[in-house]
Amino acid sequence: AVADAFEVIPRTLIQNCGGNPIRILAQLRAKHANGGHTWGIDGD
């Protein structure tokens, strides 16, 4: 549950600029699972 809760920050960033949270979060999760820990969300 804590692991899921941490996703709230990138999710909120996507929502606040009108993006599609489900699709973009899935892509971000995949990037991090492959070791790309500097990947994040462009808030604009």
All heavy atoms as atom14 arrays in JSON, in Angstrom:
{
  "sequence": "AVADAFEVIPRTLIQNCGGNPIRILAQLRAKHANGGHTWGIDGD",
  "atom14_mask": [
    [1, 1, 1, 1, 1, 0, 0, 0, 0, 0, 0, 0, 0, 0],
    [1, 1, 1, 1, 1, 1, 1, 0, 0, 0, 0, 0, 0, 0],
    [1, 1, 1, 1, 1, 0, 0, 0, 0, 0, 0, 0, 0, 0],
    [1, 1, 1, 1, 1, 1, 1, 1, 0, 0, 0, 0, 0, 0],
    [1, 1, 1, 1, 1, 0, 0, 0, 0, 0, 0, 0, 0, 0],
    [1, 1, 1, 1, 1, 1, 1, 1, 1, 1, 1, 0, 0, 0],
    [1, 1, 1, 1, 1, 1, 1, 1, 1, 0, 0, 0, 0, 0],
    [1, 1, 1, 1, 1, 1, 1, 0, 0, 0, 0, 0, 0, 0],
    [1, 1, 1, 1, 1, 1, 1, 1, 0, 0, 0, 0, 0, 0],
    [1, 1, 1, 1, 1, 1, 1, 0, 0, 0, 0, 0, 0, 0],
    [1, 1, 1, 1, 1, 1, 1, 1, 1, 1, 1, 0, 0, 0],
    [1, 1, 1, 1, 1, 1, 1, 0, 0, 0, 0, 0, 0, 0],
    [1, 1, 1, 1, 1, 1, 1, 1, 0, 0, 0, 0, 0, 0],
    [1, 1, 1, 1, 1, 1, 1, 1, 0, 0, 0, 0, 0, 0],
    [1, 1, 1, 1, 1, 1, 1, 1, 1, 0, 0, 0, 0, 0],
    [1, 1, 1, 1, 1, 1, 1, 1, 0, 0, 0, 0, 0, 0],
    [1, 1, 1, 1, 1, 1, 0, 0, 0, 0, 0, 0, 0, 0],
    [1, 1, 1, 1, 0, 0, 0, 0, 0, 0, 0, 0, 0, 0],
    [1, 1, 1, 1, 0, 0, 0, 0, 0, 0, 0, 0, 0, 0],
    [1, 1, 1, 1, 1, 1, 1, 1, 0, 0, 0, 0, 0, 0],
    [1, 1, 1, 1, 1, 1, 1, 0, 0, 0, 0, 0, 0, 0],
    [1, 1, 1, 1, 1, 1, 1, 1, 0, 0, 0, 0, 0, 0],
    [1, 1, 1, 1, 1, 1, 1, 1, 1, 1, 1, 0, 0, 0],
    [1, 1, 1, 1, 1, 1, 1, 1, 0, 0, 0, 0, 0, 0],
    [1, 1, 1, 1, 1, 1, 1, 1, 0, 0, 0, 0, 0, 0],
    [1, 1, 1, 1, 1, 0, 0, 0, 0, 0, 0, 0, 0, 0],
    [1, 1, 1, 1, 1, 1, 1, 1, 1, 0, 0, 0, 0, 0],
    [1, 1, 1, 1, 1, 1, 1, 1, 0, 0, 0, 0, 0, 0],
    [1, 1, 1, 1, 1, 1, 1, 1, 1, 1, 1, 0, 0, 0],
    [1, 1, 1, 1, 1, 0, 0, 0, 0, 0, 0, 0, 0, 0],
    [1, 1, 1, 1, 1, 1, 1, 1, 1, 0, 0, 0, 0, 0],
    [1, 1, 1, 1, 1, 1, 1, 1, 1, 1, 0, 0, 0, 0],
    [1, 1, 1, 1, 1, 0, 0, 0, 0, 0, 0, 0, 0, 0],
    [1, 1, 1, 1, 1, 1, 1, 1, 0, 0, 0, 0, 0, 0],
    [1, 1, 1, 1, 0, 0, 0, 0, 0, 0, 0, 0, 0, 0],
    [1, 1, 1, 1, 0, 0, 0, 0, 0, 0, 0, 0, 0, 0],
    [1, 1, 1, 1, 1, 1, 1, 1, 1, 1, 0, 0, 0, 0],
    [1, 1, 1, 1, 1, 1, 1, 0, 0, 0, 0, 0, 0, 0],
    [1, 1, 1, 1, 1, 1, 1, 1, 1, 1, 1, 1, 1, 1],
    [1, 1, 1, 1, 0, 0, 0, 0, 0, 0, 0, 0, 0, 0],
    [1, 1, 1, 1, 1, 1, 1, 1, 0, 0, 0, 0, 0, 0],
    [1, 1, 1, 1, 1, 1, 1, 1, 0, 0, 0, 0, 0, 0],
    [1, 1, 1, 1, 0, 0, 0, 0, 0, 0, 0, 0, 0, 0],
    [1, 1, 1, 1, 1, 1, 1, 1, 0, 0, 0, 0, 0, 0]
  ],
  "atom14_positions": [
    [[0.84, -1.2, 0.0], [0.0, 0.0, 0.0], [0.87, 1.26, 0.0], [0.57, 2.24, -0.69], [-0.92, 0.0, 1.23], [0.0, 0.0, 0.0], [0.0, 0.0, 0.0], [0.0, 0.0, 0.0], [0.0, 0.0, 0.0], [0.0, 0.0, 0.0], [0.0, 0.0, 0.0], [0.0, 0.0, 0.0], [0.0, 0.0, 0.0], [0.0, 0.0, 0.0]],
    [[2.0, 1.24, 0.75], [2.9, 2.39, 0.77], [3.53, 2.57, -0.61], [3.66, 3.69, -1.12], [4.01, 2.22, 1.85], [4.94, 3.42, 1.85], [3.38, 2.06, 3.22], [0.0, 0.0, 0.0], [0.0, 0.0, 0.0], [0.0, 0.0, 0.0], [0.0, 0.0, 0.0], [0.0, 0.0, 0.0], [0.0, 0.0, 0.0], [0.0, 0.0, 0.0]],
    [[3.91, 1.43, -1.23], [4.48, 1.5, -2.59], [3.5, 2.17, -3.55], [3.87, 3.04, -4.34], [4.83, 0.09, -3.07], [0.0, 0.0, 0.0], [0.0, 0.0, 0.0], [0.0, 0.0, 0.0], [0.0, 0.0, 0.0], [0.0, 0.0, 0.0], [0.0, 0.0, 0.0], [0.0, 0.0, 0.0], [0.0, 0.0, 0.0], [0.0, 0.0, 0.0]],
    [[2.22, 1.79, -3.44], [1.2, 2.4, -4.32], [1.02, 3.88, -3.98], [0.8, 4.71, -4.88], [-0.15, 1.68, -4.17], [-0.06, 0.23, -4.63], [0.88, -0.08, -5.38], [-0.92, -0.58, -4.22], [0.0, 0.0, 0.0], [0.0, 0.0, 0.0], [0.0, 0.0, 0.0], [0.0, 0.0, 0.0], [0.0, 0.0, 0.0], [0.0, 0.0, 0.0]],
    [[1.1, 4.21, -2.69], [0.85, 5.59, -2.26], [1.88, 6.55, -2.85], [1.55, 7.69, -3.18], [0.87, 5.67, -0.74], [0.0, 0.0, 0.0], [0.0, 0.0, 0.0], [0.0, 0.0, 0.0], [0.0, 0.0, 0.0], [0.0, 0.0, 0.0], [0.0, 0.0, 0.0], [0.0, 0.0, 0.0], [0.0, 0.0, 0.0], [0.0, 0.0, 0.0]],
    [[3.13, 6.09, -3.01], [4.17, 6.98, -3.53], [3.9, 7.42, -4.97], [4.44, 8.41, -5.44], [5.56, 6.32, -3.42], [6.23, 6.62, -2.12], [6.11, 5.77, -1.03], [6.99, 7.77, -1.96], [6.72, 6.05, 0.17], [7.6, 8.06, -0.76], [7.47, 7.2, 0.31], [0.0, 0.0, 0.0], [0.0, 0.0, 0.0], [0.0, 0.0, 0.0]],
    [[3.06, 6.63, -5.66], [2.75, 7.0, -7.05], [1.88, 8.25, -7.13], [1.65, 8.79, -8.2], [2.03, 5.84, -7.76], [2.96, 4.7, -8.1], [2.27, 3.62, -8.94], [1.09, 3.82, -9.29], [2.91, 2.61, -9.25], [0.0, 0.0, 0.0], [0.0, 0.0, 0.0], [0.0, 0.0, 0.0], [0.0, 0.0, 0.0], [0.0, 0.0, 0.0]],
    [[1.37, 8.7, -5.98], [0.42, 9.83, -6.0], [1.09, 11.11, -6.52], [0.44, 11.92, -7.17], [-0.2, 10.07, -4.6], [0.79, 10.7, -3.64], [-1.41, 10.96, -4.71], [0.0, 0.0, 0.0], [0.0, 0.0, 0.0], [0.0, 0.0, 0.0], [0.0, 0.0, 0.0], [0.0, 0.0, 0.0], [0.0, 0.0, 0.0], [0.0, 0.0, 0.0]],
    [[2.39, 11.29, -6.26], [3.05, 12.54, -6.68], [3.12, 12.62, -8.22], [2.61, 13.57, -8.8], [4.45, 12.69, -6.04], [4.35, 12.67, -4.5], [5.15, 13.95, -6.53], [3.69, 13.87, -3.86], [0.0, 0.0, 0.0], [0.0, 0.0, 0.0], [0.0, 0.0, 0.0], [0.0, 0.0, 0.0], [0.0, 0.0, 0.0], [0.0, 0.0, 0.0]],
    [[3.72, 11.59, -8.91], [3.7, 11.68, -10.38], [2.27, 11.71, -10.94], [2.0, 12.44, -11.89], [4.47, 10.43, -10.84], [4.69, 9.59, -9.65], [4.54, 10.45, -8.44], [0.0, 0.0, 0.0], [0.0, 0.0, 0.0], [0.0, 0.0, 0.0], [0.0, 0.0, 0.0], [0.0, 0.0, 0.0], [0.0, 0.0, 0.0], [0.0, 0.0, 0.0]],
    [[1.35, 10.97, -10.3], [-0.03, 10.94, -10.82], [-0.66, 12.33, -10.75], [-1.3, 12.8, -11.69], [-0.87, 9.93, -10.03], [-2.25, 9.74, -10.68], [-3.22, 8.9, -9.86], [-2.58, 7.83, -9.12], [-2.72, 7.66, -7.8], [-3.47, 8.5, -7.09], [-2.13, 6.67, -7.2], [0.0, 0.0, 0.0], [0.0, 0.0, 0.0], [0.0, 0.0, 0.0]],
    [[-0.46, 13.0, -9.6], [-1.04, 14.34, -9.43], [-0.43, 15.32, -10.43], [-1.12, 16.17, -10.98], [-0.8, 14.84, -7.99], [-1.26, 13.85, -7.09], [-1.53, 16.12, -7.72], [0.0, 0.0, 0.0], [0.0, 0.0, 0.0], [0.0, 0.0, 0.0], [0.0, 0.0, 0.0], [0.0, 0.0, 0.0], [0.0, 0.0, 0.0], [0.0, 0.0, 0.0]],
    [[0.89, 15.18, -10.67], [1.54, 16.06, -11.66], [0.91, 15.9, -13.03], [0.68, 16.87, -13.75], [3.04, 15.75, -11.74], [3.92, 16.27, -10.6], [5.33, 15.71, -10.73], [3.97, 17.79, -10.61], [0.0, 0.0, 0.0], [0.0, 0.0, 0.0], [0.0, 0.0, 0.0], [0.0, 0.0, 0.0], [0.0, 0.0, 0.0], [0.0, 0.0, 0.0]],
    [[0.62, 14.63, -13.4], [0.0, 14.37, -14.72], [-1.42, 14.96, -14.74], [-1.81, 15.64, -15.69], [-0.05, 12.85, -15.02], [1.36, 12.26, -15.02], [-0.72, 12.58, -16.36], [1.41, 10.74, -14.95], [0.0, 0.0, 0.0], [0.0, 0.0, 0.0], [0.0, 0.0, 0.0], [0.0, 0.0, 0.0], [0.0, 0.0, 0.0], [0.0, 0.0, 0.0]],
    [[-2.18, 14.72, -13.66], [-3.57, 15.19, -13.62], [-3.64, 16.71, -13.68], [-4.49, 17.28, -14.35], [-4.25, 14.72, -12.32], [-4.64, 13.24, -12.38], [-5.02, 12.71, -11.0], [-4.68, 13.29, -9.98], [-5.73, 11.59, -10.98], [0.0, 0.0, 0.0], [0.0, 0.0, 0.0], [0.0, 0.0, 0.0], [0.0, 0.0, 0.0], [0.0, 0.0, 0.0]],
    [[-2.7, 17.39, -12.97], [-2.76, 18.85, -12.9], [-2.49, 19.53, -14.22], [-2.81, 20.7, -14.4], [-1.8, 19.39, -11.84], [-2.34, 19.18, -10.44], [-3.46, 18.73, -10.27], [-1.55, 19.49, -9.44], [0.0, 0.0, 0.0], [0.0, 0.0, 0.0], [0.0, 0.0, 0.0], [0.0, 0.0, 0.0], [0.0, 0.0, 0.0], [0.0, 0.0, 0.0]],
    [[-1.82, 18.82, -15.17], [-1.63, 19.47, -16.46], [-2.47, 18.78, -17.54], [-2.2, 18.91, -18.74], [-0.16, 19.54, -16.84], [0.62, 17.97, -16.95], [0.0, 0.0, 0.0], [0.0, 0.0, 0.0], [0.0, 0.0, 0.0], [0.0, 0.0, 0.0], [0.0, 0.0, 0.0], [0.0, 0.0, 0.0], [0.0, 0.0, 0.0], [0.0, 0.0, 0.0]],
    [[-3.48, 18.03, -17.08], [-4.48, 17.5, -18.03], [-4.02, 16.3, -18.83], [-4.56, 16.03, -19.92], [0.0, 0.0, 0.0], [0.0, 0.0, 0.0], [0.0, 0.0, 0.0], [0.0, 0.0, 0.0], [0.0, 0.0, 0.0], [0.0, 0.0, 0.0], [0.0, 0.0, 0.0], [0.0, 0.0, 0.0], [0.0, 0.0, 0.0], [0.0, 0.0, 0.0]],
    [[-3.04, 15.53, -18.31], [-2.58, 14.34, -19.05], [-3.42, 13.11, -18.73], [-4.38, 13.17, -17.96], [0.0, 0.0, 0.0], [0.0, 0.0, 0.0], [0.0, 0.0, 0.0], [0.0, 0.0, 0.0], [0.0, 0.0, 0.0], [0.0, 0.0, 0.0], [0.0, 0.0, 0.0], [0.0, 0.0, 0.0], [0.0, 0.0, 0.0], [0.0, 0.0, 0.0]],
    [[-3.02, 11.99, -19.32], [-3.73, 10.74, -19.08], [-2.95, 9.93, -18.04], [-1.95, 9.29, -18.37], [-3.84, 9.97, -20.4], [-4.54, 8.63, -20.22], [-4.67, 8.12, -19.11], [-4.98, 8.05, -21.32], [0.0, 0.0, 0.0], [0.0, 0.0, 0.0], [0.0, 0.0, 0.0], [0.0, 0.0, 0.0], [0.0, 0.0, 0.0], [0.0, 0.0, 0.0]],
    [[-3.39, 9.95, -16.77], [-2.55, 9.37, -15.7], [-2.31, 7.87, -15.86], [-1.2, 7.4, -15.61], [-3.32, 9.66, -14.41], [-4.63, 10.22, -14.79], [-4.59, 10.58, -16.24], [0.0, 0.0, 0.0], [0.0, 0.0, 0.0], [0.0, 0.0, 0.0], [0.0, 0.0, 0.0], [0.0, 0.0, 0.0], [0.0, 0.0, 0.0], [0.0, 0.0, 0.0]],
    [[-3.31, 7.11, -16.3], [-3.16, 5.65, -16.31], [-2.08, 5.23, -17.31], [-1.15, 4.48, -16.98], [-4.51, 4.96, -16.65], [-5.51, 5.28, -15.54], [-4.32, 3.45, -16.8], [-6.92, 4.85, -15.8], [0.0, 0.0, 0.0], [0.0, 0.0, 0.0], [0.0, 0.0, 0.0], [0.0, 0.0, 0.0], [0.0, 0.0, 0.0], [0.0, 0.0, 0.0]],
    [[-2.17, 5.77, -18.54], [-1.22, 5.34, -19.58], [0.21, 5.82, -19.24], [1.17, 5.06, -19.31], [-1.67, 5.89, -20.94], [-0.97, 5.16, -22.08], [-1.52, 5.48, -23.46], [-1.06, 6.79, -23.9], [-1.88, 7.8, -24.16], [-3.18, 7.66, -23.99], [-1.41, 8.95, -24.57], [0.0, 0.0, 0.0], [0.0, 0.0, 0.0], [0.0, 0.0, 0.0]],
    [[0.33, 7.1, -18.85], [1.67, 7.66, -18.62], [2.33, 7.02, -17.4], [3.53, 6.75, -17.4], [1.6, 9.2, -18.49], [1.12, 9.79, -19.81], [2.95, 9.8, -18.13], [0.74, 11.23, -19.79], [0.0, 0.0, 0.0], [0.0, 0.0, 0.0], [0.0, 0.0, 0.0], [0.0, 0.0, 0.0], [0.0, 0.0, 0.0], [0.0, 0.0, 0.0]],
    [[1.52, 6.74, -16.35], [2.1, 6.09, -15.16], [2.61, 4.7, -15.49], [3.66, 4.28, -14.98], [1.06, 6.0, -14.05], [1.05, 7.14, -13.02], [0.02, 6.88, -11.95], [2.41, 7.32, -12.37], [0.0, 0.0, 0.0], [0.0, 0.0, 0.0], [0.0, 0.0, 0.0], [0.0, 0.0, 0.0], [0.0, 0.0, 0.0], [0.0, 0.0, 0.0]],
    [[1.88, 3.99, -16.34], [2.32, 2.63, -16.74], [3.67, 2.72, -17.45], [4.58, 1.92, -17.2], [1.26, 1.99, -17.63], [0.0, 0.0, 0.0], [0.0, 0.0, 0.0], [0.0, 0.0, 0.0], [0.0, 0.0, 0.0], [0.0, 0.0, 0.0], [0.0, 0.0, 0.0], [0.0, 0.0, 0.0], [0.0, 0.0, 0.0], [0.0, 0.0, 0.0]],
    [[3.8, 3.73, -18.34], [5.08, 3.89, -19.07], [6.21, 4.25, -18.08], [7.33, 3.73, -18.19], [4.95, 5.02, -20.1], [4.01, 4.7, -21.25], [3.7, 5.95, -22.09], [4.14, 7.05, -21.78], [2.91, 5.76, -23.14], [0.0, 0.0, 0.0], [0.0, 0.0, 0.0], [0.0, 0.0, 0.0], [0.0, 0.0, 0.0], [0.0, 0.0, 0.0]],
    [[5.89, 5.12, -17.12], [6.92, 5.54, -16.15], [7.36, 4.37, -15.27], [8.55, 4.19, -15.0], [6.35, 6.66, -15.28], [7.31, 7.3, -14.27], [8.49, 7.94, -14.98], [6.6, 8.37, -13.44], [0.0, 0.0, 0.0], [0.0, 0.0, 0.0], [0.0, 0.0, 0.0], [0.0, 0.0, 0.0], [0.0, 0.0, 0.0], [0.0, 0.0, 0.0]],
    [[6.36, 3.54, -14.89], [6.68, 2.37, -14.07], [7.62, 1.44, -14.82], [8.59, 0.9, -14.26], [5.38, 1.63, -13.73], [5.34, 1.1, -12.31], [4.01, 0.48, -11.97], [2.98, 1.45, -11.62], [1.8, 1.54, -12.21], [1.47, 0.7, -13.18], [0.92, 2.44, -11.82], [0.0, 0.0, 0.0], [0.0, 0.0, 0.0], [0.0, 0.0, 0.0]],
    [[7.36, 1.27, -16.1], [8.2, 0.38, -16.94], [9.63, 0.92, -17.02], [10.6, 0.17, -16.9], [7.59, 0.27, -18.34], [0.0, 0.0, 0.0], [0.0, 0.0, 0.0], [0.0, 0.0, 0.0], [0.0, 0.0, 0.0], [0.0, 0.0, 0.0], [0.0, 0.0, 0.0], [0.0, 0.0, 0.0], [0.0, 0.0, 0.0], [0.0, 0.0, 0.0]],
    [[9.75, 2.25, -17.19], [11.09, 2.86, -17.27], [11.87, 2.6, -15.97], [13.05, 2.24, -16.01], [10.96, 4.39, -17.43], [10.51, 4.83, -18.8], [11.7, 5.02, -19.72], [11.28, 5.61, -21.05], [12.24, 5.34, -22.11], [0.0, 0.0, 0.0], [0.0, 0.0, 0.0], [0.0, 0.0, 0.0], [0.0, 0.0, 0.0], [0.0, 0.0, 0.0]],
    [[11.18, 2.79, -14.84], [11.86, 2.6, -13.54], [12.19, 1.14, -13.28], [13.22, 0.83, -12.69], [11.0, 3.17, -12.41], [11.17, 4.65, -12.24], [12.04, 5.21, -11.35], [10.58, 5.69, -12.88], [11.99, 6.53, -11.44], [11.1, 6.85, -12.36], [0.0, 0.0, 0.0], [0.0, 0.0, 0.0], [0.0, 0.0, 0.0], [0.0, 0.0, 0.0]],
    [[11.32, 0.24, -13.73], [11.57, -1.2, -13.54], [12.83, -1.61, -14.3], [13.55, -2.53, -13.89], [10.36, -2.01, -14.01], [0.0, 0.0, 0.0], [0.0, 0.0, 0.0], [0.0, 0.0, 0.0], [0.0, 0.0, 0.0], [0.0, 0.0, 0.0], [0.0, 0.0, 0.0], [0.0, 0.0, 0.0], [0.0, 0.0, 0.0], [0.0, 0.0, 0.0]],
    [[13.13, -0.89, -15.4], [14.34, -1.2, -16.17], [15.55, -0.38, -15.72], [16.54, -0.27, -16.43], [14.1, -0.94, -17.67], [13.07, -1.91, -18.23], [12.96, -3.04, -17.75], [12.3, -1.46, -19.21], [0.0, 0.0, 0.0], [0.0, 0.0, 0.0], [0.0, 0.0, 0.0], [0.0, 0.0, 0.0], [0.0, 0.0, 0.0], [0.0, 0.0, 0.0]],
    [[15.43, 0.24, -14.55], [16.6, 0.93, -13.96], [16.71, 2.4, -14.31], [17.7, 3.04, -13.92], [0.0, 0.0, 0.0], [0.0, 0.0, 0.0], [0.0, 0.0, 0.0], [0.0, 0.0, 0.0], [0.0, 0.0, 0.0], [0.0, 0.0, 0.0], [0.0, 0.0, 0.0], [0.0, 0.0, 0.0], [0.0, 0.0, 0.0], [0.0, 0.0, 0.0]],
    [[15.74, 2.98, -15.02], [15.83, 4.42, -15.37], [15.29, 5.28, -14.26], [14.22, 5.89, -14.4], [0.0, 0.0, 0.0], [0.0, 0.0, 0.0], [0.0, 0.0, 0.0], [0.0, 0.0, 0.0], [0.0, 0.0, 0.0], [0.0, 0.0, 0.0], [0.0, 0.0, 0.0], [0.0, 0.0, 0.0], [0.0, 0.0, 0.0], [0.0, 0.0, 0.0]],
    [[16.02, 5.36, -13.12], [15.42, 6.03, -11.96], [15.44, 7.55, -12.04], [15.02, 8.23, -11.13], [16.09, 5.56, -10.65], [17.56, 5.77, -10.62], [18.44, 4.73, -10.56], [18.3, 6.9, -10.64], [19.68, 5.2, -10.55], [19.62, 6.52, -10.61], [0.0, 0.0, 0.0], [0.0, 0.0, 0.0], [0.0, 0.0, 0.0], [0.0, 0.0, 0.0]],
    [[15.98, 8.13, -13.15], [15.92, 9.6, -13.26], [14.75, 10.02, -14.14], [14.59, 11.21, -14.43], [17.23, 10.16, -13.85], [17.5, 9.51, -15.08], [18.38, 9.97, -12.89], [0.0, 0.0, 0.0], [0.0, 0.0, 0.0], [0.0, 0.0, 0.0], [0.0, 0.0, 0.0], [0.0, 0.0, 0.0], [0.0, 0.0, 0.0], [0.0, 0.0, 0.0]],
    [[13.93, 9.07, -14.57], [12.78, 9.44, -15.41], [11.64, 9.95, -14.54], [11.34, 9.37, -13.5], [12.31, 8.26, -16.25], [13.21, 8.04, -17.44], [14.41, 7.41, -17.42], [13.01, 8.5, -18.78], [14.99, 7.43, -18.66], [14.14, 8.09, -19.53], [11.99, 9.2, -19.42], [14.27, 8.37, -20.89], [12.13, 9.48, -20.78], [13.26, 9.06, -21.49]],
    [[11.04, 11.06, -14.96], [9.92, 11.63, -14.21], [8.92, 12.27, -15.16], [8.9, 11.98, -16.35], [0.0, 0.0, 0.0], [0.0, 0.0, 0.0], [0.0, 0.0, 0.0], [0.0, 0.0, 0.0], [0.0, 0.0, 0.0], [0.0, 0.0, 0.0], [0.0, 0.0, 0.0], [0.0, 0.0, 0.0], [0.0, 0.0, 0.0], [0.0, 0.0, 0.0]],
    [[8.11, 13.17, -14.63], [7.04, 13.78, -15.41], [7.41, 15.23, -15.74], [7.85, 15.97, -14.87], [5.71, 13.78, -14.6], [5.36, 12.37, -14.13], [4.58, 14.41, -15.4], [5.03, 11.41, -15.24], [0.0, 0.0, 0.0], [0.0, 0.0, 0.0], [0.0, 0.0, 0.0], [0.0, 0.0, 0.0], [0.0, 0.0, 0.0], [0.0, 0.0, 0.0]],
    [[7.21, 15.62, -17.0], [7.32, 17.02, -17.38], [6.01, 17.69, -16.96], [4.96, 17.45, -17.55], [7.51, 17.1, -18.91], [7.49, 18.55, -19.41], [7.05, 19.41, -18.65], [7.92, 18.78, -20.56], [0.0, 0.0, 0.0], [0.0, 0.0, 0.0], [0.0, 0.0, 0.0], [0.0, 0.0, 0.0], [0.0, 0.0, 0.0], [0.0, 0.0, 0.0]],
    [[6.09, 18.5, -15.89], [4.87, 19.08, -15.31], [4.12, 20.03, -16.22], [2.97, 20.36, -15.98], [0.0, 0.0, 0.0], [0.0, 0.0, 0.0], [0.0, 0.0, 0.0], [0.0, 0.0, 0.0], [0.0, 0.0, 0.0], [0.0, 0.0, 0.0], [0.0, 0.0, 0.0], [0.0, 0.0, 0.0], [0.0, 0.0, 0.0], [0.0, 0.0, 0.0]],
    [[4.77, 20.5, -17.3], [4.09, 21.41, -18.22], [3.28, 20.66, -19.27], [2.18, 21.06, -19.63], [5.11, 22.32, -18.94], [5.63, 23.4, -18.01], [4.79, 24.01, -17.32], [6.84, 23.63, -17.96], [0.0, 0.0, 0.0], [0.0, 0.0, 0.0], [0.0, 0.0, 0.0], [0.0, 0.0, 0.0], [0.0, 0.0, 0.0], [0.0, 0.0, 0.0]]
  ]
}
